[in-house]
Amino acid sequence: MGRTVLPYSHVWEEERSRWLKFRRALRKEDQVHFDRLFELARLHLQAGVYASNPWPLESMLLSMLLEHEKALSVIQERLQRLEGKISAGGSGN
């Protein structure tokens, strides 16, 4: 019996390939960001396998959003620390 389910890495590649025309229509600077989004989705291939979602793009989009949420959290924490340093430094004068 043959394998009926493609490895998720192949599903990821097929989904990325489906969007190549869209990518080509983007400006060069946007293509870089577009590629980065798909690389972010690749970071969570194991979760996509486990979810076995019939619409792989949904898993990929959630992976992209997860990575953006993580990045935003880091930026927010850094901003809060900087604001705290500025407040603490400004109150002593």
N, C-alpha and C. Protein backbone atom coordinates (compact mmCIF):
# COMPACT_ATOMS: atom_id res chain seq x y z
N MET A 1 0.83 -1.18 0.00
CA MET A 1 0.00 0.00 0.00
C MET A 1 0.88 1.24 0.00
N GLY A 2 0.50 2.22 -0.83
CA GLY A 2 1.25 3.46 -0.90
C GLY A 2 0.84 4.44 0.18
N ARG A 3 1.64 5.39 0.35
CA ARG A 3 1.36 6.44 1.33
C ARG A 3 0.31 7.38 0.74
N THR A 4 -0.76 7.64 1.45
CA THR A 4 -1.83 8.48 0.93
C THR A 4 -1.72 9.93 1.40
N VAL A 5 -0.95 10.17 2.45
CA VAL A 5 -0.81 11.51 2.98
C VAL A 5 0.61 12.00 2.71
N LEU A 6 0.70 13.16 2.06
CA LEU A 6 2.02 13.74 1.80
C LEU A 6 2.66 14.21 3.10
N PRO A 7 3.98 14.12 3.18
CA PRO A 7 4.65 14.73 4.34
C PRO A 7 4.29 16.21 4.39
N TYR A 8 4.16 16.73 5.59
CA TYR A 8 3.72 18.11 5.73
C TYR A 8 4.70 19.09 5.10
N SER A 9 5.98 18.75 5.07
CA SER A 9 6.94 19.64 4.41
C SER A 9 6.63 19.77 2.93
N HIS A 10 6.12 18.71 2.32
CA HIS A 10 5.70 18.79 0.91
C HIS A 10 4.43 19.62 0.77
N VAL A 11 3.54 19.49 1.72
CA VAL A 11 2.32 20.29 1.72
C VAL A 11 2.67 21.76 1.84
N TRP A 12 3.63 22.07 2.73
CA TRP A 12 4.10 23.44 2.90
C TRP A 12 4.65 23.97 1.59
N GLU A 13 5.48 23.18 0.94
CA GLU A 13 6.09 23.60 -0.33
C GLU A 13 5.03 23.79 -1.42
N GLU A 14 4.06 22.92 -1.48
CA GLU A 14 2.99 23.06 -2.46
C GLU A 14 2.18 24.34 -2.22
N GLU A 15 1.92 24.62 -0.97
CA GLU A 15 1.16 25.83 -0.63
C GLU A 15 1.97 27.07 -1.00
N ARG A 16 3.24 27.05 -0.70
CA ARG A 16 4.11 28.17 -1.07
C ARG A 16 4.13 28.34 -2.58
N SER A 17 4.20 27.25 -3.30
CA SER A 17 4.22 27.29 -4.77
C SER A 17 2.92 27.86 -5.33
N ARG A 18 1.82 27.57 -4.66
CA ARG A 18 0.52 28.10 -5.11
C ARG A 18 0.50 29.62 -5.10
N TRP A 19 1.30 30.21 -4.24
CA TRP A 19 1.30 31.65 -4.06
C TRP A 19 2.41 32.35 -4.84
N LEU A 20 3.14 31.65 -5.70
CA LEU A 20 4.25 32.25 -6.41
C LEU A 20 3.83 33.35 -7.38
N LYS A 21 2.69 33.19 -8.04
CA LYS A 21 2.22 34.25 -8.93
C LYS A 21 1.92 35.52 -8.12
N PHE A 22 1.30 35.35 -6.98
CA PHE A 22 1.03 36.48 -6.10
C PHE A 22 2.34 37.14 -5.71
N ARG A 23 3.32 36.33 -5.34
CA ARG A 23 4.63 36.84 -4.93
C ARG A 23 5.27 37.64 -6.04
N ARG A 24 5.23 37.11 -7.26
CA ARG A 24 5.85 37.81 -8.39
C ARG A 24 5.20 39.16 -8.65
N ALA A 25 3.93 39.30 -8.30
CA ALA A 25 3.22 40.56 -8.52
C ALA A 25 3.57 41.61 -7.46
N LEU A 26 4.20 41.19 -6.38
CA LEU A 26 4.59 42.13 -5.32
C LEU A 26 5.84 42.91 -5.71
N ARG A 27 6.00 44.07 -5.09
CA ARG A 27 7.24 44.82 -5.26
C ARG A 27 8.38 44.01 -4.65
N LYS A 28 9.59 44.25 -5.13
CA LYS A 28 10.76 43.48 -4.67
C LYS A 28 10.91 43.53 -3.15
N GLU A 29 10.73 44.72 -2.56
CA GLU A 29 10.89 44.82 -1.10
C GLU A 29 9.81 44.05 -0.36
N ASP A 30 8.63 43.92 -0.96
CA ASP A 30 7.56 43.15 -0.33
C ASP A 30 7.79 41.65 -0.51
N GLN A 31 8.45 41.26 -1.58
CA GLN A 31 8.74 39.84 -1.81
C GLN A 31 9.62 39.29 -0.68
N VAL A 32 10.54 40.10 -0.21
CA VAL A 32 11.42 39.67 0.89
C VAL A 32 10.58 39.37 2.13
N HIS A 33 9.64 40.23 2.44
CA HIS A 33 8.79 40.03 3.61
C HIS A 33 7.84 38.85 3.40
N PHE A 34 7.34 38.71 2.21
CA PHE A 34 6.48 37.57 1.87
C PHE A 34 7.24 36.26 2.11
N ASP A 35 8.47 36.19 1.61
CA ASP A 35 9.29 34.99 1.81
C ASP A 35 9.53 34.73 3.29
N ARG A 36 9.74 35.79 4.04
CA ARG A 36 9.96 35.65 5.48
C ARG A 36 8.74 35.05 6.17
N LEU A 37 7.55 35.45 5.74
CA LEU A 37 6.33 34.88 6.34
C LEU A 37 6.28 33.37 6.14
N PHE A 38 6.62 32.90 4.96
CA PHE A 38 6.60 31.46 4.73
C PHE A 38 7.69 30.75 5.52
N GLU A 39 8.83 31.42 5.72
CA GLU A 39 9.87 30.83 6.55
C GLU A 39 9.41 30.75 8.00
N LEU A 40 8.66 31.74 8.46
CA LEU A 40 8.11 31.69 9.81
C LEU A 40 7.15 30.52 9.96
N ALA A 41 6.34 30.29 8.93
CA ALA A 41 5.41 29.15 8.96
C ALA A 41 6.18 27.84 9.02
N ARG A 42 7.32 27.79 8.37
CA ARG A 42 8.13 26.56 8.35
C ARG A 42 8.62 26.20 9.75
N LEU A 43 8.76 27.19 10.62
CA LEU A 43 9.24 26.93 11.98
C LEU A 43 8.28 26.04 12.76
N HIS A 44 7.05 25.94 12.30
CA HIS A 44 6.03 25.19 13.03
C HIS A 44 5.48 24.02 12.22
N LEU A 45 6.33 23.40 11.42
CA LEU A 45 5.89 22.26 10.61
C LEU A 45 5.33 21.14 11.49
N GLN A 46 5.97 20.90 12.63
CA GLN A 46 5.52 19.80 13.51
C GLN A 46 4.10 20.05 14.00
N ALA A 47 3.78 21.30 14.32
CA ALA A 47 2.42 21.61 14.77
C ALA A 47 1.43 21.38 13.63
N GLY A 48 1.83 21.71 12.41
CA GLY A 48 0.97 21.48 11.25
C GLY A 48 0.71 20.00 11.03
N VAL A 49 1.73 19.20 11.24
CA VAL A 49 1.56 17.74 11.12
C VAL A 49 0.58 17.26 12.17
N TYR A 50 0.77 17.70 13.40
CA TYR A 50 -0.08 17.25 14.49
C TYR A 50 -1.53 17.69 14.30
N ALA A 51 -1.72 18.90 13.79
CA ALA A 51 -3.08 19.42 13.59
C ALA A 51 -3.79 18.70 12.46
N SER A 52 -3.03 18.21 11.50
CA SER A 52 -3.57 17.55 10.30
C SER A 52 -4.81 18.27 9.78
N ASN A 53 -4.67 19.57 9.62
CA ASN A 53 -5.75 20.42 9.14
C ASN A 53 -5.98 20.17 7.65
N PRO A 54 -7.23 20.02 7.23
CA PRO A 54 -7.49 19.81 5.80
C PRO A 54 -7.18 21.04 4.95
N TRP A 55 -7.04 22.20 5.59
CA TRP A 55 -6.66 23.42 4.89
C TRP A 55 -5.31 23.87 5.44
N PRO A 56 -4.23 23.41 4.85
CA PRO A 56 -2.90 23.70 5.41
C PRO A 56 -2.59 25.19 5.52
N LEU A 57 -3.17 26.01 4.66
CA LEU A 57 -2.89 27.44 4.74
C LEU A 57 -3.31 28.00 6.09
N GLU A 58 -4.37 27.48 6.67
CA GLU A 58 -4.80 27.95 7.99
C GLU A 58 -3.70 27.72 9.03
N SER A 59 -3.13 26.53 9.03
CA SER A 59 -2.05 26.23 9.98
C SER A 59 -0.85 27.12 9.72
N MET A 60 -0.57 27.36 8.45
CA MET A 60 0.57 28.20 8.11
C MET A 60 0.33 29.65 8.55
N LEU A 61 -0.87 30.15 8.32
CA LEU A 61 -1.19 31.52 8.73
C LEU A 61 -1.12 31.68 10.25
N LEU A 62 -1.63 30.68 10.97
CA LEU A 62 -1.55 30.74 12.43
C LEU A 62 -0.10 30.69 12.90
N SER A 63 0.73 29.93 12.23
CA SER A 63 2.16 29.89 12.56
C SER A 63 2.80 31.25 12.35
N MET A 64 2.45 31.89 11.24
CA MET A 64 2.98 33.23 10.95
C MET A 64 2.53 34.21 12.03
N LEU A 65 1.25 34.15 12.38
CA LEU A 65 0.72 35.04 13.42
C LEU A 65 1.38 34.78 14.77
N LEU A 66 1.61 33.53 15.09
CA LEU A 66 2.27 33.18 16.34
C LEU A 66 3.66 33.82 16.41
N GLU A 67 4.42 33.73 15.33
CA GLU A 67 5.75 34.33 15.32
C GLU A 67 5.70 35.85 15.42
N HIS A 68 4.70 36.46 14.80
CA HIS A 68 4.54 37.91 14.93
C HIS A 68 4.15 38.29 16.36
N GLU A 69 3.30 37.51 16.97
CA GLU A 69 2.90 37.78 18.36
C GLU A 69 4.11 37.70 19.28
N LYS A 70 4.95 36.70 19.06
CA LYS A 70 6.16 36.56 19.87
C LYS A 70 7.07 37.78 19.69
N ALA A 71 7.23 38.22 18.45
CA ALA A 71 8.08 39.38 18.17
C ALA A 71 7.50 40.64 18.82
N LEU A 72 6.19 40.81 18.73
CA LEU A 72 5.55 41.97 19.36
C LEU A 72 5.73 41.95 20.87
N SER A 73 5.64 40.80 21.47
CA SER A 73 5.82 40.69 22.92
C SER A 73 7.22 41.11 23.32
N VAL A 74 8.22 40.69 22.56
CA VAL A 74 9.60 41.07 22.85
C VAL A 74 9.75 42.59 22.73
N ILE A 75 9.20 43.17 21.69
CA ILE A 75 9.29 44.62 21.48
C ILE A 75 8.58 45.36 22.60
N GLN A 76 7.40 44.89 23.01
CA GLN A 76 6.66 45.54 24.10
C GLN A 76 7.44 45.49 25.41
N GLU A 77 8.04 44.35 25.69
CA GLU A 77 8.84 44.22 26.92
C GLU A 77 10.03 45.16 26.91
N ARG A 78 10.70 45.25 25.78
CA ARG A 78 11.85 46.16 25.67
C ARG A 78 11.41 47.60 25.83
N LEU A 79 10.30 47.96 25.21
CA LEU A 79 9.78 49.32 25.31
C LEU A 79 9.42 49.66 26.75
N GLN A 80 8.78 48.74 27.45
CA GLN A 80 8.42 48.97 28.85
C GLN A 80 9.67 49.16 29.70
N ARG A 81 10.71 48.36 29.43
CA ARG A 81 11.96 48.52 30.19
C ARG A 81 12.59 49.88 29.91
N LEU A 82 12.59 50.29 28.63
CA LEU A 82 13.16 51.59 28.28
C LEU A 82 12.36 52.73 28.90
N GLU A 83 11.04 52.61 28.86
CA GLU A 83 10.20 53.64 29.48
C GLU A 83 10.44 53.71 30.98
N GLY A 84 10.65 52.56 31.60
CA GLY A 84 10.94 52.53 33.02
C GLY A 84 12.26 53.19 33.34
N LYS A 85 13.27 52.97 32.51
CA LYS A 85 14.59 53.59 32.71
C LYS A 85 14.49 55.10 32.53
N ILE A 86 13.74 55.52 31.54
CA ILE A 86 13.59 56.96 31.29
C ILE A 86 12.86 57.62 32.45
N SER A 87 11.79 57.00 32.93
CA SER A 87 11.04 57.54 34.07
C SER A 87 11.91 57.60 35.32
N ALA A 88 12.64 56.55 35.56
CA ALA A 88 13.49 56.50 36.76
C ALA A 88 14.62 57.51 36.65
N GLY A 89 15.18 57.67 35.48
CA GLY A 89 16.28 58.62 35.30
C GLY A 89 15.81 60.06 35.34
N GLY A 90 14.61 60.32 34.83
CA GLY A 90 14.08 61.67 34.78
C GLY A 90 13.59 62.17 36.13
N SER A 91 13.18 61.27 37.01
CA SER A 91 12.62 61.70 38.30
C SER A 91 13.68 62.09 39.29
N GLY A 92 14.93 61.68 39.04
CA GLY A 92 16.01 62.00 39.97
C GLY A 92 16.60 63.38 39.77
N ASN A 93 16.24 64.08 38.75
CA ASN A 93 16.82 65.42 38.48
C ASN A 93 16.10 66.51 39.19
